Amino acid sequence: MDEPGQTETDLTEPGPAEPDTLRLFFALWPDDATRDALNRAGKLLHQHWGGRLMRADTLHITLAFLGSTPAAQLDALVACADSVGTDAFELILDQAGYWRHNRIGWLGASQTPAQHLELVGALNAALQGVGFAVDARPHVPHVTLLRNSAGGEVPECAPVHWPISDFVLVASRREAVGMHYDVIRRWPLA
């Protein structure tokens, strides 16, 4: 029997608590056709270099990595992204490569469109303006396709034409099968 003053809602189990911190980053997130093309390029590189092929649902280009961020700062991140305005563009990923120091196989752009650099610059300036740390190194647009790869001679990959019409804020979390990404919000480009 219920105790006096106790309501039905008092007896229910509490839902899962919201996390205090989130592992966050801003990214370009591919549409289905682009994701398929990137996955094909990854499979080709995997045939030549081995390693661990990235899951297709995790493929992206990081624009700004924030890392572990207090959930209370989400509104500030949204305001930063709201302040960014650049035109939509096409990114052509036509250059496969391998970084020996971290054993990563990737596909990148031999020429970076001005709009891409404007997007990264405006986003980083907005983030820095409200106290978030940003990477000072020049931005190299690339999609990580392989991890723990041996590398070697670079095979010729078919260029991937990626129409960029928005960017996203993503939360990542580690699961038994690897990283899981949740798109929190999208911002369209003009």
N, C-alpha and C. Protein backbone atom coordinates (compact mmCIF):
# COMPACT_ATOMS: atom_id res chain seq x y z
N MET A 1 0.83 -1.18 0.00
CA MET A 1 0.00 0.00 0.00
C MET A 1 0.88 1.24 0.00
N ASP A 2 0.45 2.26 -0.73
CA ASP A 2 1.22 3.50 -0.81
C ASP A 2 1.28 4.20 0.53
N GLU A 3 2.38 4.86 0.74
CA GLU A 3 2.50 5.69 1.93
C GLU A 3 1.74 6.98 1.70
N PRO A 4 1.22 7.61 2.74
CA PRO A 4 0.50 8.88 2.57
C PRO A 4 1.37 9.91 1.88
N GLY A 5 0.77 10.62 0.94
CA GLY A 5 1.50 11.68 0.23
C GLY A 5 2.33 11.19 -0.95
N GLN A 6 2.39 9.88 -1.17
CA GLN A 6 3.18 9.36 -2.28
C GLN A 6 2.28 9.24 -3.51
N THR A 7 2.76 9.71 -4.63
CA THR A 7 1.98 9.62 -5.87
C THR A 7 2.54 8.50 -6.72
N GLU A 8 1.82 8.19 -7.81
CA GLU A 8 2.26 7.12 -8.70
C GLU A 8 3.63 7.42 -9.29
N THR A 9 3.87 8.66 -9.63
CA THR A 9 5.17 9.00 -10.22
C THR A 9 6.29 8.84 -9.22
N ASP A 10 6.00 8.95 -7.95
CA ASP A 10 7.04 8.75 -6.95
C ASP A 10 7.51 7.30 -6.92
N LEU A 11 6.64 6.37 -7.36
CA LEU A 11 6.97 4.95 -7.28
C LEU A 11 7.70 4.43 -8.51
N THR A 12 7.75 5.20 -9.58
CA THR A 12 8.40 4.72 -10.80
C THR A 12 9.91 4.84 -10.67
N GLU A 13 10.57 3.98 -11.39
CA GLU A 13 12.03 4.02 -11.42
C GLU A 13 12.49 5.26 -12.17
N PRO A 14 13.52 5.92 -11.68
CA PRO A 14 14.03 7.07 -12.43
C PRO A 14 14.64 6.61 -13.74
N GLY A 15 14.54 7.46 -14.77
CA GLY A 15 15.15 7.16 -16.06
C GLY A 15 16.65 7.30 -15.98
N PRO A 16 17.33 6.96 -17.06
CA PRO A 16 18.79 7.09 -17.05
C PRO A 16 19.18 8.56 -16.88
N ALA A 17 20.17 8.78 -16.08
CA ALA A 17 20.64 10.15 -15.83
C ALA A 17 21.35 10.68 -17.07
N GLU A 18 21.17 11.95 -17.30
CA GLU A 18 21.89 12.60 -18.39
C GLU A 18 23.36 12.66 -18.00
N PRO A 19 24.26 12.41 -18.96
CA PRO A 19 25.69 12.47 -18.62
C PRO A 19 26.12 13.90 -18.29
N ASP A 20 27.07 14.00 -17.38
CA ASP A 20 27.60 15.31 -17.02
C ASP A 20 28.50 15.85 -18.11
N THR A 21 29.20 14.94 -18.81
CA THR A 21 30.08 15.35 -19.89
C THR A 21 29.77 14.50 -21.13
N LEU A 22 30.03 15.08 -22.26
CA LEU A 22 29.87 14.42 -23.55
C LEU A 22 31.17 14.55 -24.32
N ARG A 23 31.50 13.54 -25.10
CA ARG A 23 32.67 13.61 -25.98
C ARG A 23 32.14 14.12 -27.32
N LEU A 24 32.52 15.34 -27.69
CA LEU A 24 31.89 16.03 -28.81
C LEU A 24 32.88 16.45 -29.89
N PHE A 25 32.34 16.57 -31.11
CA PHE A 25 33.09 17.17 -32.20
C PHE A 25 32.11 17.67 -33.26
N PHE A 26 32.55 18.68 -34.01
CA PHE A 26 31.81 19.16 -35.18
C PHE A 26 32.39 18.43 -36.39
N ALA A 27 31.51 18.10 -37.35
CA ALA A 27 31.97 17.28 -38.48
C ALA A 27 31.13 17.53 -39.72
N LEU A 28 31.68 17.07 -40.83
CA LEU A 28 30.91 16.89 -42.06
C LEU A 28 30.46 15.44 -42.04
N TRP A 29 29.17 15.22 -42.26
CA TRP A 29 28.58 13.88 -42.17
C TRP A 29 28.07 13.50 -43.55
N PRO A 30 28.53 12.40 -44.13
CA PRO A 30 28.16 12.07 -45.51
C PRO A 30 26.72 11.60 -45.67
N ASP A 31 26.17 11.90 -46.84
CA ASP A 31 24.87 11.32 -47.21
C ASP A 31 25.12 9.85 -47.59
N ASP A 32 24.06 9.11 -47.86
CA ASP A 32 24.20 7.67 -48.13
C ASP A 32 25.10 7.37 -49.33
N ALA A 33 24.92 8.11 -50.43
CA ALA A 33 25.72 7.85 -51.64
C ALA A 33 27.20 8.13 -51.38
N THR A 34 27.50 9.21 -50.68
CA THR A 34 28.89 9.54 -50.36
C THR A 34 29.47 8.50 -49.40
N ARG A 35 28.69 8.09 -48.42
CA ARG A 35 29.16 7.08 -47.46
C ARG A 35 29.50 5.77 -48.20
N ASP A 36 28.66 5.38 -49.15
CA ASP A 36 28.93 4.16 -49.92
C ASP A 36 30.22 4.29 -50.72
N ALA A 37 30.43 5.44 -51.35
CA ALA A 37 31.65 5.66 -52.13
C ALA A 37 32.88 5.64 -51.22
N LEU A 38 32.78 6.26 -50.05
CA LEU A 38 33.90 6.25 -49.10
C LEU A 38 34.18 4.83 -48.61
N ASN A 39 33.14 4.07 -48.37
CA ASN A 39 33.31 2.70 -47.91
C ASN A 39 33.99 1.85 -48.98
N ARG A 40 33.64 2.06 -50.25
CA ARG A 40 34.32 1.34 -51.34
C ARG A 40 35.80 1.69 -51.37
N ALA A 41 36.12 2.98 -51.19
CA ALA A 41 37.53 3.39 -51.16
C ALA A 41 38.25 2.73 -49.99
N GLY A 42 37.59 2.66 -48.84
CA GLY A 42 38.18 2.00 -47.68
C GLY A 42 38.46 0.53 -47.93
N LYS A 43 37.53 -0.15 -48.59
CA LYS A 43 37.73 -1.56 -48.91
C LYS A 43 38.90 -1.76 -49.86
N LEU A 44 39.05 -0.85 -50.82
CA LEU A 44 40.19 -0.93 -51.74
C LEU A 44 41.51 -0.75 -50.98
N LEU A 45 41.57 0.26 -50.12
CA LEU A 45 42.79 0.48 -49.34
C LEU A 45 43.06 -0.72 -48.42
N HIS A 46 42.01 -1.29 -47.86
CA HIS A 46 42.15 -2.44 -46.98
C HIS A 46 42.77 -3.63 -47.71
N GLN A 47 42.40 -3.83 -48.97
CA GLN A 47 42.98 -4.92 -49.77
C GLN A 47 44.48 -4.75 -49.91
N HIS A 48 44.95 -3.51 -50.00
CA HIS A 48 46.38 -3.23 -50.20
C HIS A 48 47.15 -3.12 -48.89
N TRP A 49 46.52 -2.54 -47.86
CA TRP A 49 47.25 -2.17 -46.65
C TRP A 49 46.86 -2.96 -45.41
N GLY A 50 45.73 -3.67 -45.46
CA GLY A 50 45.28 -4.37 -44.26
C GLY A 50 44.85 -3.39 -43.18
N GLY A 51 44.81 -3.87 -41.96
CA GLY A 51 44.38 -3.03 -40.85
C GLY A 51 42.91 -3.23 -40.54
N ARG A 52 42.37 -2.31 -39.77
CA ARG A 52 40.96 -2.38 -39.38
C ARG A 52 40.17 -1.37 -40.19
N LEU A 53 39.27 -1.89 -41.00
CA LEU A 53 38.40 -1.05 -41.84
C LEU A 53 37.39 -0.35 -40.95
N MET A 54 37.25 0.94 -41.10
CA MET A 54 36.28 1.70 -40.32
C MET A 54 34.87 1.32 -40.77
N ARG A 55 33.94 1.25 -39.84
CA ARG A 55 32.55 0.97 -40.18
C ARG A 55 32.00 2.14 -40.98
N ALA A 56 31.18 1.83 -41.98
CA ALA A 56 30.62 2.86 -42.86
C ALA A 56 29.84 3.91 -42.08
N ASP A 57 29.15 3.51 -41.01
CA ASP A 57 28.32 4.46 -40.26
C ASP A 57 29.14 5.43 -39.41
N THR A 58 30.46 5.26 -39.38
CA THR A 58 31.32 6.16 -38.59
C THR A 58 32.12 7.12 -39.46
N LEU A 59 32.01 7.03 -40.77
CA LEU A 59 32.83 7.84 -41.67
C LEU A 59 32.39 9.31 -41.62
N HIS A 60 33.37 10.21 -41.51
CA HIS A 60 33.10 11.64 -41.41
C HIS A 60 34.40 12.42 -41.58
N ILE A 61 34.28 13.72 -41.66
CA ILE A 61 35.44 14.62 -41.62
C ILE A 61 35.26 15.50 -40.39
N THR A 62 36.22 15.45 -39.47
CA THR A 62 36.17 16.29 -38.28
C THR A 62 36.53 17.72 -38.65
N LEU A 63 35.69 18.65 -38.23
CA LEU A 63 35.95 20.08 -38.42
C LEU A 63 36.59 20.70 -37.19
N ALA A 64 36.11 20.31 -36.01
CA ALA A 64 36.64 20.81 -34.74
C ALA A 64 36.38 19.75 -33.68
N PHE A 65 37.45 19.27 -33.05
CA PHE A 65 37.32 18.26 -32.01
C PHE A 65 37.29 18.96 -30.66
N LEU A 66 36.26 18.68 -29.87
CA LEU A 66 36.10 19.31 -28.56
C LEU A 66 36.48 18.39 -27.42
N GLY A 67 36.35 17.08 -27.63
CA GLY A 67 36.66 16.12 -26.59
C GLY A 67 35.62 16.15 -25.49
N SER A 68 36.03 15.77 -24.29
CA SER A 68 35.13 15.69 -23.14
C SER A 68 34.68 17.11 -22.77
N THR A 69 33.37 17.33 -22.90
CA THR A 69 32.80 18.67 -22.74
C THR A 69 31.62 18.59 -21.77
N PRO A 70 31.57 19.50 -20.79
CA PRO A 70 30.41 19.51 -19.90
C PRO A 70 29.11 19.68 -20.69
N ALA A 71 28.12 18.86 -20.39
CA ALA A 71 26.83 18.93 -21.09
C ALA A 71 26.20 20.31 -20.94
N ALA A 72 26.51 21.00 -19.85
CA ALA A 72 25.97 22.34 -19.62
C ALA A 72 26.45 23.35 -20.67
N GLN A 73 27.49 23.00 -21.43
CA GLN A 73 28.01 23.92 -22.44
C GLN A 73 27.40 23.71 -23.83
N LEU A 74 26.44 22.81 -23.95
CA LEU A 74 25.82 22.55 -25.25
C LEU A 74 25.21 23.82 -25.86
N ASP A 75 24.55 24.63 -25.05
CA ASP A 75 23.95 25.86 -25.57
C ASP A 75 25.00 26.79 -26.17
N ALA A 76 26.17 26.87 -25.53
CA ALA A 76 27.25 27.72 -26.05
C ALA A 76 27.75 27.17 -27.38
N LEU A 77 27.83 25.84 -27.50
CA LEU A 77 28.27 25.23 -28.76
C LEU A 77 27.27 25.48 -29.88
N VAL A 78 25.98 25.38 -29.55
CA VAL A 78 24.93 25.64 -30.54
C VAL A 78 25.02 27.10 -31.00
N ALA A 79 25.24 28.02 -30.07
CA ALA A 79 25.36 29.44 -30.43
C ALA A 79 26.56 29.66 -31.34
N CYS A 80 27.66 28.99 -31.07
CA CYS A 80 28.85 29.11 -31.94
C CYS A 80 28.51 28.66 -33.36
N ALA A 81 27.89 27.49 -33.47
CA ALA A 81 27.56 26.95 -34.79
C ALA A 81 26.52 27.83 -35.49
N ASP A 82 25.57 28.39 -34.72
CA ASP A 82 24.56 29.29 -35.30
C ASP A 82 25.20 30.52 -35.94
N SER A 83 26.36 30.92 -35.43
CA SER A 83 27.02 32.13 -35.93
C SER A 83 27.81 31.90 -37.21
N VAL A 84 27.97 30.65 -37.59
CA VAL A 84 28.80 30.31 -38.76
C VAL A 84 27.93 30.35 -40.02
N GLY A 85 28.40 31.08 -41.01
CA GLY A 85 27.69 31.11 -42.28
C GLY A 85 28.66 30.98 -43.44
N THR A 86 28.46 29.99 -44.25
CA THR A 86 29.26 29.83 -45.47
C THR A 86 28.39 29.15 -46.50
N ASP A 87 28.81 29.20 -47.73
CA ASP A 87 28.05 28.60 -48.82
C ASP A 87 28.28 27.10 -48.89
N ALA A 88 27.29 26.39 -49.42
CA ALA A 88 27.44 24.97 -49.71
C ALA A 88 28.53 24.82 -50.77
N PHE A 89 29.13 23.65 -50.83
CA PHE A 89 30.22 23.42 -51.79
C PHE A 89 30.37 21.94 -52.06
N GLU A 90 31.23 21.61 -53.01
CA GLU A 90 31.56 20.21 -53.27
C GLU A 90 33.00 19.97 -52.86
N LEU A 91 33.20 18.91 -52.12
CA LEU A 91 34.54 18.49 -51.72
C LEU A 91 34.88 17.24 -52.52
N ILE A 92 36.00 17.28 -53.20
CA ILE A 92 36.43 16.13 -54.00
C ILE A 92 37.58 15.46 -53.26
N LEU A 93 37.32 14.24 -52.79
CA LEU A 93 38.34 13.46 -52.08
C LEU A 93 39.00 12.56 -53.10
N ASP A 94 40.21 12.94 -53.48
CA ASP A 94 40.89 12.29 -54.61
C ASP A 94 42.31 11.86 -54.30
N GLN A 95 42.67 11.86 -53.03
CA GLN A 95 44.05 11.55 -52.67
C GLN A 95 44.07 10.61 -51.47
N ALA A 96 44.49 9.36 -51.72
CA ALA A 96 44.65 8.41 -50.62
C ALA A 96 46.01 8.64 -49.99
N GLY A 97 46.08 8.35 -48.69
CA GLY A 97 47.35 8.52 -48.00
C GLY A 97 47.42 7.67 -46.75
N TYR A 98 48.62 7.66 -46.16
CA TYR A 98 48.88 6.86 -44.98
C TYR A 98 49.76 7.67 -44.04
N TRP A 99 49.33 7.75 -42.77
CA TRP A 99 50.15 8.40 -41.76
C TRP A 99 50.81 7.32 -40.92
N ARG A 100 52.12 7.21 -41.08
CA ARG A 100 52.90 6.15 -40.44
C ARG A 100 52.87 6.28 -38.90
N HIS A 101 52.91 7.52 -38.38
CA HIS A 101 53.01 7.71 -36.93
C HIS A 101 51.80 7.16 -36.16
N ASN A 102 50.62 7.13 -36.80
CA ASN A 102 49.45 6.57 -36.11
C ASN A 102 48.78 5.45 -36.90
N ARG A 103 49.43 5.02 -37.99
CA ARG A 103 49.01 3.86 -38.79
C ARG A 103 47.60 4.00 -39.34
N ILE A 104 47.30 5.20 -39.83
CA ILE A 104 45.97 5.49 -40.36
C ILE A 104 46.02 5.63 -41.87
N GLY A 105 45.10 4.94 -42.54
CA GLY A 105 44.88 5.10 -43.98
C GLY A 105 43.69 6.03 -44.18
N TRP A 106 43.82 6.97 -45.08
CA TRP A 106 42.80 8.00 -45.23
C TRP A 106 42.58 8.36 -46.70
N LEU A 107 41.49 9.07 -46.94
CA LEU A 107 41.20 9.66 -48.24
C LEU A 107 40.97 11.13 -48.01
N GLY A 108 41.68 11.96 -48.78
CA GLY A 108 41.59 13.40 -48.59
C GLY A 108 41.48 14.14 -49.90
N ALA A 109 41.49 15.45 -49.79
CA ALA A 109 41.34 16.33 -50.95
C ALA A 109 42.70 16.90 -51.34
N SER A 110 43.05 16.77 -52.61
CA SER A 110 44.30 17.37 -53.08
C SER A 110 44.17 18.89 -53.15
N GLN A 111 42.95 19.39 -53.30
CA GLN A 111 42.68 20.83 -53.29
C GLN A 111 41.49 21.08 -52.38
N THR A 112 41.68 21.97 -51.43
CA THR A 112 40.62 22.27 -50.47
C THR A 112 39.84 23.50 -50.94
N PRO A 113 38.53 23.36 -51.12
CA PRO A 113 37.73 24.52 -51.53
C PRO A 113 37.79 25.64 -50.49
N ALA A 114 37.74 26.88 -50.96
CA ALA A 114 37.77 28.03 -50.06
C ALA A 114 36.64 27.98 -49.04
N GLN A 115 35.47 27.50 -49.45
CA GLN A 115 34.33 27.44 -48.53
C GLN A 115 34.60 26.50 -47.36
N HIS A 116 35.34 25.42 -47.61
CA HIS A 116 35.68 24.50 -46.54
C HIS A 116 36.57 25.20 -45.50
N LEU A 117 37.58 25.90 -46.00
CA LEU A 117 38.48 26.62 -45.10
C LEU A 117 37.74 27.72 -44.35
N GLU A 118 36.79 28.39 -45.02
CA GLU A 118 35.98 29.43 -44.36
C GLU A 118 35.15 28.81 -43.24
N LEU A 119 34.55 27.66 -43.50
CA LEU A 119 33.73 26.97 -42.50
C LEU A 119 34.57 26.61 -41.28
N VAL A 120 35.70 25.99 -41.49
CA VAL A 120 36.57 25.59 -40.38
C VAL A 120 37.07 26.82 -39.63
N GLY A 121 37.48 27.85 -40.37
CA GLY A 121 37.99 29.06 -39.73
C GLY A 121 36.94 29.77 -38.90
N ALA A 122 35.72 29.91 -39.45
CA ALA A 122 34.64 30.59 -38.73
C ALA A 122 34.22 29.79 -37.50
N LEU A 123 34.14 28.48 -37.63
CA LEU A 123 33.75 27.64 -36.50
C LEU A 123 34.80 27.71 -35.39
N ASN A 124 36.07 27.59 -35.75
CA ASN A 124 37.13 27.66 -34.75
C ASN A 124 37.20 29.03 -34.09
N ALA A 125 37.00 30.11 -34.86
CA ALA A 125 37.00 31.45 -34.28
C ALA A 125 35.86 31.62 -33.28
N ALA A 126 34.67 31.12 -33.63
CA ALA A 126 33.53 31.22 -32.72
C ALA A 126 33.79 30.42 -31.45
N LEU A 127 34.33 29.22 -31.59
CA LEU A 127 34.62 28.38 -30.43
C LEU A 127 35.66 29.02 -29.54
N GLN A 128 36.72 29.51 -30.14
CA GLN A 128 37.79 30.15 -29.39
C GLN A 128 37.28 31.41 -28.70
N GLY A 129 36.38 32.11 -29.35
CA GLY A 129 35.83 33.35 -28.79
C GLY A 129 35.07 33.15 -27.48
N VAL A 130 34.56 31.95 -27.25
CA VAL A 130 33.85 31.68 -25.99
C VAL A 130 34.62 30.74 -25.08
N GLY A 131 35.92 30.56 -25.38
CA GLY A 131 36.79 29.84 -24.46
C GLY A 131 37.08 28.38 -24.74
N PHE A 132 36.60 27.85 -25.86
CA PHE A 132 36.94 26.46 -26.20
C PHE A 132 38.31 26.42 -26.85
N ALA A 133 39.09 25.40 -26.52
CA ALA A 133 40.40 25.21 -27.15
C ALA A 133 40.20 24.67 -28.56
N VAL A 134 40.98 25.18 -29.50
CA VAL A 134 40.91 24.71 -30.88
C VAL A 134 42.30 24.27 -31.32
N ASP A 135 42.32 23.41 -32.32
CA ASP A 135 43.58 22.90 -32.87
C ASP A 135 44.23 24.00 -33.71
N ALA A 136 45.45 24.36 -33.38
CA ALA A 136 46.14 25.43 -34.10
C ALA A 136 46.76 24.95 -35.41
N ARG A 137 46.86 23.63 -35.58
CA ARG A 137 47.47 23.11 -36.81
C ARG A 137 46.57 23.39 -38.00
N PRO A 138 47.16 23.51 -39.19
CA PRO A 138 46.32 23.70 -40.38
C PRO A 138 45.38 22.51 -40.56
N HIS A 139 44.16 22.81 -40.96
CA HIS A 139 43.15 21.76 -41.14
C HIS A 139 43.42 21.01 -42.44
N VAL A 140 43.43 19.68 -42.35
CA VAL A 140 43.63 18.81 -43.50
C VAL A 140 42.35 17.97 -43.65
N PRO A 141 41.47 18.32 -44.61
CA PRO A 141 40.23 17.55 -44.73
C PRO A 141 40.53 16.12 -45.20
N HIS A 142 40.13 15.15 -44.38
CA HIS A 142 40.37 13.75 -44.70
C HIS A 142 39.35 12.89 -43.97
N VAL A 143 39.11 11.72 -44.51
CA VAL A 143 38.26 10.71 -43.88
C VAL A 143 39.16 9.55 -43.50
N THR A 144 39.18 9.19 -42.23
CA THR A 144 39.92 8.02 -41.79
C THR A 144 39.16 6.78 -42.25
N LEU A 145 39.85 5.93 -43.04
CA LEU A 145 39.23 4.72 -43.57
C LEU A 145 39.77 3.45 -42.92
N LEU A 146 41.04 3.50 -42.47
CA LEU A 146 41.68 2.33 -41.86
C LEU A 146 42.43 2.74 -40.61
N ARG A 147 42.44 1.88 -39.63
CA ARG A 147 43.28 2.04 -38.44
C ARG A 147 44.17 0.80 -38.33
N ASN A 148 45.32 0.97 -37.67
CA ASN A 148 46.28 -0.13 -37.48
C ASN A 148 46.67 -0.76 -38.81
N SER A 149 46.90 0.09 -39.77
CA SER A 149 47.22 -0.35 -41.13
C SER A 149 48.74 -0.40 -41.32
N ALA A 150 49.17 -1.22 -42.26
CA ALA A 150 50.59 -1.33 -42.57
C ALA A 150 51.04 -0.29 -43.58
N GLY A 151 50.10 0.29 -44.32
CA GLY A 151 50.47 1.26 -45.35
C GLY A 151 51.20 0.59 -46.49
N GLY A 152 51.86 1.39 -47.29
CA GLY A 152 52.59 0.86 -48.43
C GLY A 152 52.35 1.74 -49.64
N GLU A 153 52.57 1.14 -50.80
CA GLU A 153 52.35 1.88 -52.04
C GLU A 153 50.88 2.33 -52.10
N VAL A 154 50.68 3.57 -52.51
CA VAL A 154 49.34 4.14 -52.51
C VAL A 154 48.60 3.72 -53.77
N PRO A 155 47.51 2.97 -53.62
CA PRO A 155 46.74 2.57 -54.79
C PRO A 155 45.93 3.76 -55.31
N GLU A 156 45.57 3.69 -56.57
CA GLU A 156 44.73 4.75 -57.15
C GLU A 156 43.28 4.48 -56.75
N CYS A 157 42.67 5.49 -56.16
CA CYS A 157 41.27 5.40 -55.75
C CYS A 157 40.42 6.29 -56.64
N ALA A 158 39.21 5.86 -56.94
CA ALA A 158 38.27 6.71 -57.68
C ALA A 158 37.93 7.91 -56.80
N PRO A 159 37.94 9.12 -57.36
CA PRO A 159 37.58 10.30 -56.55
C PRO A 159 36.16 10.19 -56.02
N VAL A 160 35.98 10.67 -54.80
CA VAL A 160 34.66 10.73 -54.18
C VAL A 160 34.21 12.18 -54.21
N HIS A 161 33.10 12.44 -54.90
CA HIS A 161 32.53 13.78 -54.99
C HIS A 161 31.48 13.91 -53.89
N TRP A 162 31.74 14.79 -52.92
CA TRP A 162 30.91 14.92 -51.74
C TRP A 162 30.24 16.28 -51.73
N PRO A 163 28.93 16.36 -51.99
CA PRO A 163 28.23 17.65 -51.90
C PRO A 163 28.05 18.01 -50.43
N ILE A 164 28.63 19.13 -50.02
CA ILE A 164 28.56 19.56 -48.63
C ILE A 164 27.45 20.60 -48.50
N SER A 165 26.38 20.24 -47.82
CA SER A 165 25.25 21.15 -47.66
C SER A 165 24.96 21.47 -46.20
N ASP A 166 25.69 20.81 -45.28
CA ASP A 166 25.49 21.09 -43.86
C ASP A 166 26.68 20.58 -43.06
N PHE A 167 26.69 20.92 -41.78
CA PHE A 167 27.67 20.34 -40.85
C PHE A 167 26.91 19.97 -39.58
N VAL A 168 27.54 19.16 -38.74
CA VAL A 168 26.83 18.58 -37.59
C VAL A 168 27.66 18.67 -36.32
N LEU A 169 26.96 18.57 -35.19
CA LEU A 169 27.59 18.37 -33.89
C LEU A 169 27.33 16.92 -33.52
N VAL A 170 28.38 16.20 -33.13
CA VAL A 170 28.30 14.76 -32.89
C VAL A 170 28.80 14.44 -31.48
N ALA A 171 28.09 13.53 -30.83
CA ALA A 171 28.55 12.96 -29.56
C ALA A 171 29.03 11.54 -29.84
N SER A 172 30.18 11.19 -29.28
CA SER A 172 30.70 9.83 -29.47
C SER A 172 30.78 9.13 -28.13
N ARG A 173 30.61 7.82 -28.19
CA ARG A 173 30.78 7.01 -26.99
C ARG A 173 31.32 5.64 -27.40
N ARG A 174 32.13 5.08 -26.51
CA ARG A 174 32.72 3.78 -26.79
C ARG A 174 31.73 2.69 -26.39
N GLU A 175 31.54 1.72 -27.28
CA GLU A 175 30.71 0.56 -27.02
C GLU A 175 31.53 -0.70 -27.30
N ALA A 176 30.97 -1.84 -27.02
CA ALA A 176 31.69 -3.10 -27.20
C ALA A 176 32.16 -3.29 -28.65
N VAL A 177 31.38 -2.80 -29.62
CA VAL A 177 31.72 -2.96 -31.02
C VAL A 177 32.59 -1.83 -31.55
N GLY A 178 32.95 -0.88 -30.71
CA GLY A 178 33.75 0.26 -31.14
C GLY A 178 33.02 1.55 -30.83
N MET A 179 33.39 2.60 -31.53
CA MET A 179 32.78 3.91 -31.28
C MET A 179 31.38 3.97 -31.89
N HIS A 180 30.51 4.65 -31.18
CA HIS A 180 29.16 4.92 -31.68
C HIS A 180 28.99 6.44 -31.72
N TYR A 181 28.45 6.95 -32.82
CA TYR A 181 28.28 8.39 -33.00
C TYR A 181 26.80 8.73 -33.08
N ASP A 182 26.40 9.77 -32.38
CA ASP A 182 25.05 10.31 -32.44
C ASP A 182 25.12 11.75 -32.93
N VAL A 183 24.45 12.02 -34.04
CA VAL A 183 24.36 13.40 -34.52
C VAL A 183 23.36 14.12 -33.63
N ILE A 184 23.83 15.17 -32.96
CA ILE A 184 22.99 15.93 -32.03
C ILE A 184 22.18 16.99 -32.78
N ARG A 185 22.84 17.65 -33.73
CA ARG A 185 22.16 18.73 -34.46
C ARG A 185 22.88 18.98 -35.78
N ARG A 186 22.13 19.49 -36.77
CA ARG A 186 22.65 19.85 -38.09
C ARG A 186 22.48 21.34 -38.33
N TRP A 187 23.42 21.92 -39.09
CA TRP A 187 23.32 23.30 -39.52
C TRP A 187 23.47 23.35 -41.04
N PRO A 188 22.46 23.83 -41.73
CA PRO A 188 22.55 23.91 -43.20
C PRO A 188 23.50 25.03 -43.62
N LEU A 189 24.14 24.83 -44.75
CA LEU A 189 24.96 25.87 -45.36
C LEU A 189 24.12 26.59 -46.41
N ALA A 190 24.46 27.85 -46.67
CA ALA A 190 23.66 28.67 -47.60
C ALA A 190 23.73 28.12 -49.00
